[in-house]
Each structure stands twice: as structure tokens, then as C-alpha cells.
Amino acid sequence: MPPLGSRMLIDGQLFGPEGRRSFANLDPATEEVIGEVPEAEAGDVERAIGAARRAFDTSKWSADVAFRRHCLTQLQAALREHAEELRDLVVSEAGTPVALTHGIQLNGPIEFISHYIGLIDTYEFERALPDVESRGQVSSRLVRREAAGVVVAITPWNYPLYLAIAKVSAALAAGCTVVLKPAPDTPATALALGELAARHTDIPAGVLNVITTTDNSLAGILTSHPDVDAVTLTGSTATGRKVMAAASETVKRVTLELGGKSAAVLLQDADVSAVVPMVAGTVCVHAGQGCAALTRLVVPRAKYDETVALSAAVLQRVPWGDPRDPANLMGPVVNARQRDSILAYFESARQGGRIVTGGKRSDRFDRGYYIEPTLIADVDAKSAVAQEEIFGPALVVLAYDDEEDALRVADSTIFGLSGAVYSPDTERALDFARRMRTGTVGVNGGNWFDVGSPFGGYKQSGLGREWGTEGLEEFLEVKTIAFPASA
């Protein structure tokens, strides 16, 4: 049998790279080829969309709630059974520290499927409204939630299996059919998801399709095709704008989880020595390649120098290197393009501020896309490094004068994905959190990340939500039916 993570799934059939064009899947820690995956062509995309359309229109998938629950349970069991193979795939192609695969990169999302398995049983897909009288006739009314249709799911490279599961499990639970297209930097985990579904579940042919490609023009087919009803994307804000534009031609439903430049705000009474060690090192988790990472540390001006010194000390102690070493918090960034983009931001910081520690490509490794944990200080709050998503292991420290200024700095970017507030006065911190224009906020270390919590952003950080009940509803249409009450 071919290695797991090497075959596309279209209309229930698996296709490997043999006899067709393919592209190399690289390990960012070693720059070595870890496998070849098939390169989809326009005809493959059309077949995948056609299969999803046919499966939605003609199979029992969208109507049979119990069957969907059965299939998702099978899929979860298959993922559990093959967890160690998947662990190796995620580490090899994403460069993620293996320690993260015991949480968000693998074990966590496999178990998260239970959320939608349970929600299928409890969600009110149909409910009655009170009767109404109009012109002498009393009408009864029903509100139905029905599957949106064919969903295109486009996922990025930073948390490849987590994001594929988040989108696919929600869409399938809602009764939709799916075409999944992962980033070309991390194709194998998505292909593995499709292979396990084909081999170990009763999911009908065409309900789930997985295609891989390096050709960005094919994404245009996926997001503009008239047979696609909804698009869900996790990616950059720039990509999100393109998807919205393409989807607008046919007025598709669009769910977007985009960029972030999240602020951790220490209020005037916060204890720097207690908070900074808890916050600063988190920017290095998976080399800072997380959209919700707290990449700006916003502190009182009187505590700025203390914060900078302590942050630098924390970053200098972050364990990083070989992602296969369970002691490491961060490995490489995903590719040379990303590495060079991050280094360009560091050069910008040198021109308008100060690199306190790090700020360069690692000299500890001969190969691999490693960058040192980096602290940036003395930059303007409107500078590029303080406003734009660097997507690397970099923390920017910014000062404020009073609480209103702190809120202004925190909300000064185009993003609004996440944030944090710290104060020994919990009510004061909660009041500040309520005023922030962002989709998630942690107060005094409170953890908002959970399968039951809706996740998404304000402003240009996106549209819609994942997880929670809201994550299911992103893939449901609403229908109102009225009929004579005496019927």
C-alpha cells in the first residue's frame, strides 16, 4: 500500500502521483524531500466539484443526521488508530515541535471531532415559532436549518491537520459535501485525512474530496465555481480579500479566519515580573506561526525598560531547534520564502528601532529554515513591525501613557483576532477586555481556546466563526415554512 498522505481523493477514488505530474513535499528542518504528492489539474478540480455536487444533490448525506454521526465516529476512530503515522507526517512537513502534536497539532483536533458528533445529537435543526394571525388566518411556522451545500475548504500550512479537521468535521456534520485543498507546503496531512475517510468510513463517494496543487489559479476555480455554495478559508488577510472577490460573483457564503497582530496589554497595576515570563515565550510556539499569537506586548511607559529586559531574558532561554526533540518549543519556519520575509521585517525594525535579541537566521544549523527568537523594541506603534503580521518568532514591545492610550494601541491595527489583558483587579481587566475590538481575549491567563468556544476575528481578521455551535451554523442555511394552523 502507498505511504499514508500520498493520494488525492476524488469521488471516492484515490489517486497517487504515479502517471501524473507531482511535486515534492519538503521537511523544513532538513530541506530534504519527504515524499511526492500528486499535482491536481483543472480537470481534477472540476471532477471533485462535480462529485461533491452530485453527492449533495442525490445521496442521503444531507438529510440523514444519524448516518452523518456514524461516519464522523468512524473517521475519528481511524484518525486515532493512525495517530503515530500522522504525528510523523505533521512534524516532517510542518516543522512543528513534536510536543505540539500531543495537543493542537494532532491529538487535540482528533478529539475535537467529538464536539460535532455530540452536537449532531443535540442541535435543533428544526424548531416551531408561535402561531400568528393575519387577515383572519392563523398560520403555524417552522424554522429549519439545512445544509448549505457544496463547501470548498482551503487550509494553510501552520496547523495543517487541526485546520482541516476543524473545517471538514463542521461541514460534514452540517450535511454539506466538501472539497478540501490544503497548502502545497503541507499537503500530506490533508491527503491522509482523505485516505483514512476512504478506507475506514462509510462516507459516500463525493462527500469528501481532497486535492493538492501548487497552482494558485486552481483556487480561483474552486472559489468562483457556480456549483460551490460556500467557501471556508484560513489564511492571510490578502488571500481572504481575493477569496471574497471571487466568491462575490455567485454570492457564496464565505467564512474567513485571517491574520492577526494580537496585543497582550499589561494594565498599570499589573506585575511585570509575574506576567512577562508567562507571555513572552509564547510567541515562539511553532516559531511564531500562529494567527492568534500575542505578538505585541503593550505596557505602561514607566515599566517599559523592565519589560524589555525581562522579555529578552525569556526569549534567550526558549528551547528551540530540532522539532523531533520533545524538549523544544519551536522548530524552523515553514520555507525559505517565509524565512526571508521575516528577516526583511527584522531589517525594517533595525531602521526604525532596535533588535534587543535575536533578529537573524540561525547559525546553529547548516540546513533548515531556522530563525532566532527575536525581541523588537523602540519602534513606533504605527511601524510595519508593529502593524503587520510577521508570522515568525518575534515579539514587539510598545509603551502607553494611560488606559485609553493602551486601548488605542491595542486596537490600532487592521486586525482583531485575539488579545490578552492583565491586572490584579479582575473586574478592571474584564472591563478593558469588553472594550477591545477582537474576537477572543484572555484575561489574567484565562484560556479561551476550547472546542466549545467560537473562534474568529473582528475587522480584517475575518468573517464567521469556527468551533462552538457557531462553527456548525456557518454551514447551515435558514428556511422558514408557514402553513395553516389547522393543517
Protein backbone atom coordinates (compact mmCIF):
# COMPACT_ATOMS: atom_id res chain seq x y z
CA MET A 1 0.00 0.00 0.00
CA PRO A 2 1.35 3.51 -0.82
CA PRO A 3 2.51 5.60 2.15
CA LEU A 4 -0.19 7.48 4.04
CA GLY A 5 -0.54 11.02 2.78
CA SER A 6 0.33 10.50 -0.89
CA ARG A 7 -3.02 10.13 -2.69
CA MET A 8 -5.79 12.54 -3.65
CA LEU A 9 -9.41 11.59 -3.06
CA ILE A 10 -11.93 12.40 -5.80
CA ASP A 11 -15.39 10.87 -5.96
CA GLY A 12 -14.43 8.01 -3.66
CA GLN A 13 -11.31 7.08 -5.67
CA LEU A 14 -7.70 7.51 -4.51
CA PHE A 15 -5.09 8.82 -6.97
CA GLY A 16 -1.35 8.80 -6.32
CA PRO A 17 1.42 10.68 -8.12
CA GLU A 18 2.11 7.76 -10.45
CA GLY A 19 1.45 8.55 -14.09
CA ARG A 20 0.76 12.24 -13.50
CA ARG A 21 2.58 15.41 -12.54
CA SER A 22 3.68 15.65 -8.92
CA PHE A 23 5.51 17.98 -6.58
CA ALA A 24 7.94 17.46 -3.73
CA ASN A 25 6.96 17.74 -0.09
CA LEU A 26 9.89 19.20 1.88
CA ASP A 27 10.91 18.90 5.52
CA PRO A 28 11.60 22.49 6.68
CA ALA A 29 14.00 21.26 9.36
CA THR A 30 16.29 19.48 6.89
CA GLU A 31 15.22 20.80 3.46
CA GLU A 32 15.01 17.17 2.34
CA VAL A 33 12.23 15.70 0.19
CA ILE A 34 9.99 13.54 2.34
CA GLY A 35 7.65 12.47 -0.45
CA GLU A 36 5.97 13.23 -3.75
CA VAL A 37 2.31 14.18 -3.93
CA PRO A 38 0.01 14.47 -6.96
CA GLU A 39 -0.35 17.80 -8.73
CA ALA A 40 -4.03 18.39 -9.42
CA GLU A 41 -5.04 19.84 -12.78
CA ALA A 42 -8.10 21.84 -13.76
CA GLY A 43 -9.92 18.67 -14.78
CA ASP A 44 -9.34 17.19 -11.31
CA VAL A 45 -10.83 20.27 -9.71
CA GLU A 46 -13.89 20.08 -11.96
CA ARG A 47 -14.33 16.38 -11.16
CA ALA A 48 -14.04 17.00 -7.43
CA ILE A 49 -16.62 19.79 -7.52
CA GLY A 50 -18.90 17.72 -9.73
CA ALA A 51 -18.64 14.75 -7.36
CA ALA A 52 -19.42 16.93 -4.35
CA ARG A 53 -22.40 18.48 -6.17
CA ARG A 54 -23.77 15.10 -7.17
CA ALA A 55 -23.29 13.64 -3.69
CA PHE A 56 -25.11 16.56 -2.11
CA ASP A 57 -27.98 16.55 -4.59
CA THR A 58 -28.58 12.80 -4.92
CA SER A 59 -27.30 10.97 -1.82
CA LYS A 60 -28.87 10.73 1.63
CA TRP A 61 -25.95 12.58 3.20
CA SER A 62 -27.58 15.98 3.79
CA ALA A 63 -30.81 14.53 5.19
CA ASP A 64 -29.63 11.60 7.32
CA VAL A 65 -28.39 13.03 10.60
CA ALA A 66 -27.79 9.63 12.23
CA PHE A 67 -25.73 8.45 9.26
CA ARG A 68 -23.53 11.54 9.44
CA ARG A 69 -22.92 10.89 13.12
CA HIS A 70 -21.99 7.28 12.33
CA CYS A 71 -19.49 8.33 9.66
CA LEU A 72 -17.84 11.01 11.79
CA THR A 73 -17.44 8.47 14.58
CA GLN A 74 -15.73 6.13 12.12
CA LEU A 75 -13.44 8.92 10.90
CA GLN A 76 -12.42 9.83 14.44
CA ALA A 77 -11.66 6.17 15.20
CA ALA A 78 -9.48 5.89 12.08
CA LEU A 79 -7.54 9.02 12.99
CA ARG A 80 -6.94 7.68 16.49
CA GLU A 81 -5.74 4.36 15.09
CA HIS A 82 -3.26 6.04 12.76
CA ALA A 83 -2.17 8.80 15.14
CA GLU A 84 1.51 7.85 15.18
CA GLU A 85 1.76 7.88 11.39
CA LEU A 86 0.02 11.25 11.37
CA ARG A 87 2.35 12.54 14.08
CA ASP A 88 5.36 11.83 11.91
CA LEU A 89 3.70 13.48 8.90
CA VAL A 90 2.86 16.68 10.77
CA VAL A 91 6.33 17.06 12.25
CA SER A 92 8.04 16.24 8.95
CA GLU A 93 6.12 18.61 6.69
CA ALA A 94 5.19 21.47 9.06
CA GLY A 95 8.37 21.52 11.15
CA THR A 96 6.21 21.67 14.25
CA PRO A 97 7.73 20.62 17.56
CA VAL A 98 6.63 17.09 18.31
CA ALA A 99 5.43 18.25 21.72
CA LEU A 100 2.65 20.21 19.99
CA THR A 101 1.36 17.07 18.31
CA HIS A 102 0.15 15.91 21.72
CA GLY A 103 -2.10 18.97 21.71
CA ILE A 104 -3.25 21.30 18.94
CA GLN A 105 -1.27 19.75 16.09
CA LEU A 106 -2.78 16.25 16.32
CA ASN A 107 -4.30 14.70 19.44
CA GLY A 108 -6.41 17.73 20.25
CA PRO A 109 -8.22 18.08 16.91
CA ILE A 110 -8.85 14.34 16.65
CA GLU A 111 -10.72 14.53 19.94
CA PHE A 112 -12.39 17.79 18.92
CA ILE A 113 -14.46 15.81 16.41
CA SER A 114 -16.44 14.59 19.43
CA HIS A 115 -17.85 18.11 19.68
CA TYR A 116 -19.65 17.79 16.36
CA ILE A 117 -20.58 14.15 16.93
CA GLY A 118 -22.34 15.27 20.10
CA LEU A 119 -23.78 18.40 18.55
CA ILE A 120 -25.45 16.36 15.81
CA ASP A 121 -27.49 14.67 18.54
CA THR A 122 -28.48 17.83 20.40
CA TYR A 123 -28.69 20.62 17.81
CA GLU A 124 -32.18 21.86 16.99
CA PHE A 125 -32.23 21.58 13.19
CA GLU A 126 -35.94 22.45 13.20
CA ARG A 127 -37.99 24.45 15.67
CA ALA A 128 -41.52 25.84 15.84
CA LEU A 129 -42.40 29.50 16.17
CA PRO A 130 -45.60 30.70 17.85
CA ASP A 131 -48.67 30.79 15.60
CA VAL A 132 -49.52 34.12 14.02
CA GLU A 133 -52.82 35.52 12.74
CA SER A 134 -53.08 37.57 9.55
CA ARG A 135 -56.26 38.55 7.71
CA GLY A 136 -58.28 36.04 9.64
CA GLN A 137 -55.97 33.09 9.06
CA VAL A 138 -53.84 31.52 11.75
CA SER A 139 -50.51 30.19 10.49
CA SER A 140 -48.07 27.82 12.11
CA ARG A 141 -44.39 28.32 11.36
CA LEU A 142 -41.25 26.23 11.34
CA VAL A 143 -37.64 27.39 11.18
CA ARG A 144 -35.34 24.81 9.61
CA ARG A 145 -31.55 24.74 9.49
CA GLU A 146 -30.42 22.90 6.36
CA ALA A 147 -27.02 22.12 4.89
CA ALA A 148 -25.59 24.96 2.81
CA GLY A 149 -24.45 22.64 0.00
CA VAL A 150 -21.02 22.14 -1.55
CA VAL A 151 -18.23 23.59 0.59
CA VAL A 152 -14.70 24.39 -0.55
CA ALA A 153 -12.27 24.32 2.39
CA ILE A 154 -8.86 25.93 1.92
CA THR A 155 -6.30 25.44 4.68
CA PRO A 156 -2.84 26.91 5.40
CA TRP A 157 0.42 25.26 6.39
CA ASN A 158 0.88 26.29 10.01
CA TYR A 159 -1.59 23.91 11.72
CA PRO A 160 -2.50 21.69 8.78
CA LEU A 161 -4.35 18.77 10.35
CA TYR A 162 -6.04 20.86 13.03
CA LEU A 163 -7.49 23.26 10.48
CA ALA A 164 -8.51 20.54 8.04
CA ILE A 165 -10.38 18.74 10.82
CA ALA A 166 -11.97 21.96 12.06
CA LYS A 167 -13.45 22.75 8.66
CA VAL A 168 -14.23 19.25 7.41
CA SER A 169 -15.87 17.99 10.60
CA ALA A 170 -18.13 21.03 10.89
CA ALA A 171 -19.17 20.97 7.24
CA LEU A 172 -19.81 17.23 7.24
CA ALA A 173 -21.76 17.41 10.50
CA ALA A 174 -23.97 20.09 8.94
CA GLY A 175 -24.71 17.80 5.99
CA CYS A 176 -22.54 19.54 3.42
CA THR A 177 -20.20 17.91 0.94
CA VAL A 178 -16.60 19.10 0.82
CA VAL A 179 -13.66 19.75 -1.48
CA LEU A 180 -10.57 20.24 0.70
CA LYS A 181 -7.48 21.98 -0.71
CA PRO A 182 -4.51 22.21 1.66
CA ALA A 183 -1.50 24.48 1.30
CA PRO A 184 1.16 22.97 -1.01
CA ASP A 185 3.73 23.29 1.81
CA THR A 186 1.83 20.75 3.95
CA PRO A 187 -0.19 18.53 1.63
CA ALA A 188 0.32 15.11 3.22
CA THR A 189 -1.77 15.54 6.36
CA ALA A 190 -4.85 16.57 4.36
CA LEU A 191 -4.30 13.72 1.90
CA ALA A 192 -4.04 11.35 4.86
CA LEU A 193 -7.38 12.62 6.16
CA GLY A 194 -8.97 11.81 2.82
CA GLU A 195 -7.31 8.42 2.58
CA LEU A 196 -8.48 7.38 6.03
CA ALA A 197 -12.01 8.53 5.23
CA ALA A 198 -11.99 6.48 2.02
CA ARG A 199 -10.52 3.36 3.61
CA HIS A 200 -12.20 3.27 7.01
CA THR A 201 -15.58 5.02 6.83
CA ASP A 202 -18.92 4.71 5.09
CA ILE A 203 -18.79 8.30 3.85
CA PRO A 204 -20.34 8.09 0.36
CA ALA A 205 -18.29 8.78 -2.75
CA GLY A 206 -18.09 12.51 -3.46
CA VAL A 207 -19.00 13.67 0.04
CA LEU A 208 -15.34 14.34 0.86
CA ASN A 209 -12.75 15.14 -1.81
CA VAL A 210 -9.12 16.18 -1.23
CA ILE A 211 -6.95 17.72 -3.92
CA THR A 212 -3.39 19.05 -3.80
CA THR A 213 -1.76 21.57 -6.10
CA THR A 214 0.91 24.26 -6.33
CA ASP A 215 -1.12 26.13 -8.96
CA ASN A 216 -2.85 29.10 -7.36
CA SER A 217 -5.06 29.57 -10.41
CA LEU A 218 -6.93 26.41 -9.46
CA ALA A 219 -8.02 28.09 -6.23
CA GLY A 220 -9.77 30.59 -8.46
CA ILE A 221 -11.83 27.78 -9.98
CA LEU A 222 -12.72 26.48 -6.53
CA THR A 223 -13.80 29.84 -5.13
CA SER A 224 -15.74 31.08 -8.15
CA HIS A 225 -17.34 27.88 -9.45
CA PRO A 226 -21.16 28.12 -9.71
CA ASP A 227 -21.60 24.63 -8.24
CA VAL A 228 -19.88 25.65 -5.00
CA ASP A 229 -22.20 27.11 -2.36
CA ALA A 230 -19.76 28.10 0.39
CA VAL A 231 -16.06 28.71 0.92
CA THR A 232 -14.17 28.46 4.19
CA LEU A 233 -10.59 29.73 4.27
CA THR A 234 -7.90 30.08 6.87
CA GLY A 235 -5.07 32.18 5.52
CA SER A 236 -3.67 35.66 5.19
CA THR A 237 -5.88 38.72 5.01
CA ALA A 238 -4.61 39.39 1.48
CA THR A 239 -5.74 35.92 0.39
CA GLY A 240 -9.05 36.41 2.17
CA ARG A 241 -9.75 39.53 0.11
CA LYS A 242 -9.15 37.57 -3.10
CA VAL A 243 -11.46 34.77 -1.97
CA MET A 244 -14.21 37.25 -1.11
CA ALA A 245 -13.88 38.86 -4.51
CA ALA A 246 -14.02 35.53 -6.33
CA ALA A 247 -16.96 34.28 -4.27
CA SER A 248 -18.91 37.51 -4.77
CA GLU A 249 -19.67 36.70 -8.41
CA THR A 250 -22.05 33.94 -7.30
CA VAL A 251 -22.76 35.38 -3.81
CA LYS A 252 -21.36 32.39 -1.96
CA ARG A 253 -21.33 32.04 1.79
CA VAL A 254 -17.80 32.88 2.96
CA THR A 255 -16.12 32.04 6.26
CA LEU A 256 -12.69 33.59 6.72
CA GLU A 257 -10.17 33.14 9.52
CA LEU A 258 -7.39 35.52 8.60
CA GLY A 259 -4.41 37.37 10.03
CA GLY A 260 -3.75 38.73 13.47
CA LYS A 261 -1.48 41.12 15.34
CA SER A 262 -2.72 40.41 18.81
CA ALA A 263 -1.84 42.54 21.81
CA ALA A 264 -1.14 41.46 25.37
CA VAL A 265 -1.91 44.52 27.49
CA LEU A 266 -0.49 44.96 30.97
CA LEU A 267 -2.63 47.50 32.81
CA GLN A 268 -0.95 49.99 35.13
CA ASP A 269 -1.27 47.77 38.18
CA ALA A 270 -0.04 44.55 36.50
CA ASP A 271 3.04 42.82 37.92
CA VAL A 272 5.63 42.73 35.12
CA SER A 273 7.74 40.09 36.84
CA ALA A 274 4.73 37.75 37.08
CA VAL A 275 3.17 38.35 33.67
CA VAL A 276 6.03 38.79 31.19
CA PRO A 277 7.61 35.34 31.71
CA MET A 278 4.16 33.83 31.10
CA VAL A 279 3.55 35.82 27.91
CA ALA A 280 6.85 36.50 26.13
CA GLY A 281 7.92 32.97 25.31
CA THR A 282 4.57 32.01 23.80
CA VAL A 283 5.43 34.00 20.68
CA CYS A 284 7.96 31.27 19.86
CA VAL A 285 5.48 28.39 19.93
CA HIS A 286 5.79 26.74 16.49
CA ALA A 287 8.21 29.54 15.53
CA GLY A 288 5.50 32.17 15.91
CA GLN A 289 3.49 30.74 13.02
CA GLY A 290 0.10 31.23 14.63
CA CYS A 291 -2.50 33.81 13.69
CA ALA A 292 -3.68 34.28 17.30
CA ALA A 293 -0.18 34.62 18.79
CA LEU A 294 0.32 37.52 21.20
CA THR A 295 2.95 39.34 19.15
CA ARG A 296 2.64 42.81 20.73
CA LEU A 297 3.33 43.44 24.40
CA VAL A 298 1.68 46.75 25.37
CA VAL A 299 2.91 48.07 28.72
CA PRO A 300 2.91 51.25 30.86
CA ARG A 301 5.69 53.61 29.85
CA ALA A 302 7.08 53.58 33.39
CA LYS A 303 7.51 49.79 33.16
CA TYR A 304 8.82 49.70 29.58
CA ASP A 305 12.54 49.20 30.29
CA GLU A 306 11.82 46.49 32.87
CA THR A 307 9.55 44.71 30.39
CA VAL A 308 12.11 44.86 27.58
CA ALA A 309 14.88 43.46 29.78
CA LEU A 310 12.73 40.64 31.17
CA SER A 311 11.30 39.75 27.73
CA ALA A 312 14.78 39.49 26.28
CA ALA A 313 15.85 37.18 29.09
CA VAL A 314 12.81 34.96 28.49
CA LEU A 315 13.38 34.73 24.73
CA GLN A 316 17.04 33.89 25.23
CA ARG A 317 16.01 30.85 27.27
CA VAL A 318 13.37 29.48 24.89
CA PRO A 319 14.28 25.89 23.94
CA TRP A 320 14.38 25.61 20.16
CA GLY A 321 15.93 23.55 17.39
CA ASP A 322 15.20 20.06 16.10
CA PRO A 323 11.39 19.70 16.09
CA ARG A 324 11.73 15.99 16.84
CA ASP A 325 13.27 16.77 20.22
CA PRO A 326 10.34 16.83 22.68
CA ALA A 327 12.13 19.45 24.80
CA ASN A 328 11.90 22.10 22.08
CA LEU A 329 9.17 24.73 21.95
CA MET A 330 9.94 25.80 18.39
CA GLY A 331 11.49 24.42 15.24
CA PRO A 332 12.03 26.05 11.84
CA VAL A 333 9.66 28.27 9.90
CA VAL A 334 7.96 26.53 7.02
CA ASN A 335 10.05 27.51 3.98
CA ALA A 336 12.72 29.81 2.59
CA ARG A 337 10.15 32.33 1.40
CA GLN A 338 8.73 32.72 4.89
CA ARG A 339 12.22 32.91 6.40
CA ASP A 340 13.22 35.69 4.05
CA SER A 341 10.01 37.62 4.68
CA ILE A 342 10.65 37.52 8.43
CA LEU A 343 14.26 38.64 8.01
CA ALA A 344 13.06 41.59 5.91
CA TYR A 345 10.84 42.68 8.81
CA PHE A 346 13.83 42.45 11.14
CA GLU A 347 15.82 44.73 8.86
CA SER A 348 12.91 47.17 8.92
CA ALA A 349 12.95 47.08 12.72
CA ARG A 350 16.66 47.94 12.73
CA GLN A 351 15.97 51.01 10.59
CA GLY A 352 13.28 52.38 12.89
CA GLY A 353 14.01 50.81 16.25
CA ARG A 354 16.11 48.19 17.98
CA ILE A 355 16.60 44.44 17.85
CA VAL A 356 17.21 43.60 21.51
CA THR A 357 17.92 39.90 21.00
CA GLY A 358 17.86 37.54 18.02
CA GLY A 359 16.96 39.10 14.71
CA LYS A 360 18.84 36.82 12.38
CA ARG A 361 18.97 33.48 10.68
CA SER A 362 20.29 30.78 12.95
CA ASP A 363 23.95 29.79 12.67
CA ARG A 364 23.36 26.64 14.75
CA PHE A 365 22.21 24.56 11.77
CA ASP A 366 23.69 24.02 8.31
CA ARG A 367 20.25 23.25 6.86
CA GLY A 368 16.69 24.12 7.72
CA TYR A 369 14.73 27.37 7.91
CA TYR A 370 15.65 28.36 11.45
CA ILE A 371 15.37 31.89 12.83
CA GLU A 372 16.38 33.05 16.30
CA PRO A 373 13.73 34.13 18.85
CA THR A 374 13.61 37.89 18.45
CA LEU A 375 12.64 40.90 20.56
CA ILE A 376 11.93 44.24 18.89
CA ALA A 377 11.80 47.49 20.88
CA ASP A 378 11.80 51.28 20.43
CA VAL A 379 9.61 51.23 17.31
CA ASP A 380 6.63 53.42 16.57
CA ALA A 381 3.24 51.81 17.15
CA LYS A 382 2.41 52.61 13.51
CA SER A 383 5.55 50.99 12.08
CA ALA A 384 5.34 47.94 9.85
CA VAL A 385 6.67 45.56 12.51
CA ALA A 386 4.04 46.81 14.97
CA GLN A 387 1.17 46.77 12.49
CA GLU A 388 1.73 43.84 10.12
CA GLU A 389 1.69 40.11 10.72
CA ILE A 390 5.33 38.94 10.76
CA PHE A 391 4.37 35.29 11.31
CA GLY A 392 7.65 34.41 12.92
CA PRO A 393 9.23 34.17 16.39
CA ALA A 394 9.15 37.91 17.03
CA LEU A 395 7.74 39.99 19.89
CA VAL A 396 7.30 43.77 19.73
CA VAL A 397 7.18 45.79 22.99
CA LEU A 398 5.16 49.02 22.87
CA ALA A 399 4.60 51.66 25.57
CA TYR A 400 1.41 53.54 26.50
CA ASP A 401 0.65 56.57 28.68
CA ASP A 402 -2.78 55.83 30.17
CA GLU A 403 -5.53 53.23 29.84
CA GLU A 404 -7.23 54.97 26.91
CA ASP A 405 -3.89 55.09 25.14
CA ALA A 406 -3.41 51.39 25.85
CA LEU A 407 -6.75 50.62 24.21
CA ARG A 408 -5.87 52.82 21.24
CA VAL A 409 -2.56 50.99 20.73
CA ALA A 410 -4.17 47.56 21.13
CA ASP A 411 -6.87 48.38 18.57
CA SER A 412 -4.66 50.33 16.16
CA THR A 413 -4.14 47.58 13.56
CA ILE A 414 -6.44 46.31 10.81
CA PHE A 415 -6.67 43.03 12.73
CA GLY A 416 -8.87 41.89 15.59
CA LEU A 417 -8.33 38.17 16.12
CA SER A 418 -7.17 37.80 19.71
CA GLY A 419 -5.70 39.56 22.70
CA ALA A 420 -4.96 39.41 26.40
CA VAL A 421 -5.28 41.71 29.42
CA TYR A 422 -3.53 41.51 32.78
CA SER A 423 -4.39 43.20 36.07
CA PRO A 424 -4.74 42.04 39.68
CA ASP A 425 -8.14 43.72 39.54
CA THR A 426 -10.13 41.18 37.52
CA GLU A 427 -13.13 43.46 37.02
CA ARG A 428 -10.88 46.20 35.67
CA ALA A 429 -9.29 43.72 33.26
CA LEU A 430 -12.70 42.39 32.20
CA ASP A 431 -13.92 45.92 31.50
CA PHE A 432 -10.87 46.52 29.30
CA ALA A 433 -11.39 43.18 27.53
CA ARG A 434 -15.01 44.08 26.74
CA ARG A 435 -13.81 47.28 25.08
CA MET A 436 -11.21 45.62 22.85
CA ARG A 437 -12.22 45.10 19.21
CA THR A 438 -11.13 41.50 18.93
CA GLY A 439 -12.75 38.09 18.66
CA THR A 440 -11.08 36.37 21.62
CA VAL A 441 -9.49 37.76 24.78
CA GLY A 442 -7.72 36.00 27.64
CA VAL A 443 -7.95 37.79 30.98
CA ASN A 444 -5.17 37.09 33.51
CA GLY A 445 -4.18 33.91 31.69
CA GLY A 446 -7.71 32.68 31.10
CA ASN A 447 -7.81 30.15 28.25
CA TRP A 448 -10.42 30.85 25.57
CA PHE A 449 -9.15 28.07 23.27
CA ASP A 450 -11.58 25.18 23.53
CA VAL A 451 -13.73 23.25 21.08
CA GLY A 452 -16.86 24.66 22.70
CA SER A 453 -15.72 28.28 22.26
CA PRO A 454 -16.36 30.07 18.95
CA PHE A 455 -13.14 31.34 17.39
CA GLY A 456 -12.80 34.09 14.80
CA GLY A 457 -11.96 37.73 14.32
CA TYR A 458 -13.17 41.30 14.07
CA LYS A 459 -12.19 43.75 11.33
CA GLN A 460 -9.83 42.28 8.72
CA SER A 461 -9.16 39.17 10.80
CA GLY A 462 -12.11 37.51 9.16
CA LEU A 463 -15.78 36.62 8.94
CA GLY A 464 -17.66 33.93 10.83
CA ARG A 465 -16.52 31.50 13.49
CA GLU A 466 -15.08 28.02 13.93
CA TRP A 467 -15.95 25.59 16.74
CA GLY A 468 -18.74 26.17 19.22
CA THR A 469 -22.30 25.92 17.95
CA GLU A 470 -21.47 28.84 15.69
CA GLY A 471 -18.97 26.71 13.78
CA LEU A 472 -21.75 24.32 12.75
CA GLU A 473 -24.08 27.16 11.81
CA GLU A 474 -21.54 28.57 9.34
CA PHE A 475 -22.55 25.67 7.07
CA LEU A 476 -26.32 25.83 7.59
CA GLU A 477 -28.94 27.78 5.68
CA VAL A 478 -32.09 29.04 7.42
CA LYS A 479 -35.53 28.30 5.99
CA THR A 480 -38.89 29.48 7.35
CA ILE A 481 -42.01 27.45 6.48
CA ALA A 482 -45.55 28.61 7.21
CA PHE A 483 -48.77 26.61 6.88
CA PRO A 484 -52.40 26.93 8.08
CA ALA A 485 -52.58 26.10 11.78
CA SER A 486 -55.46 23.72 11.21
CA ALA A 487 -53.44 21.60 8.76
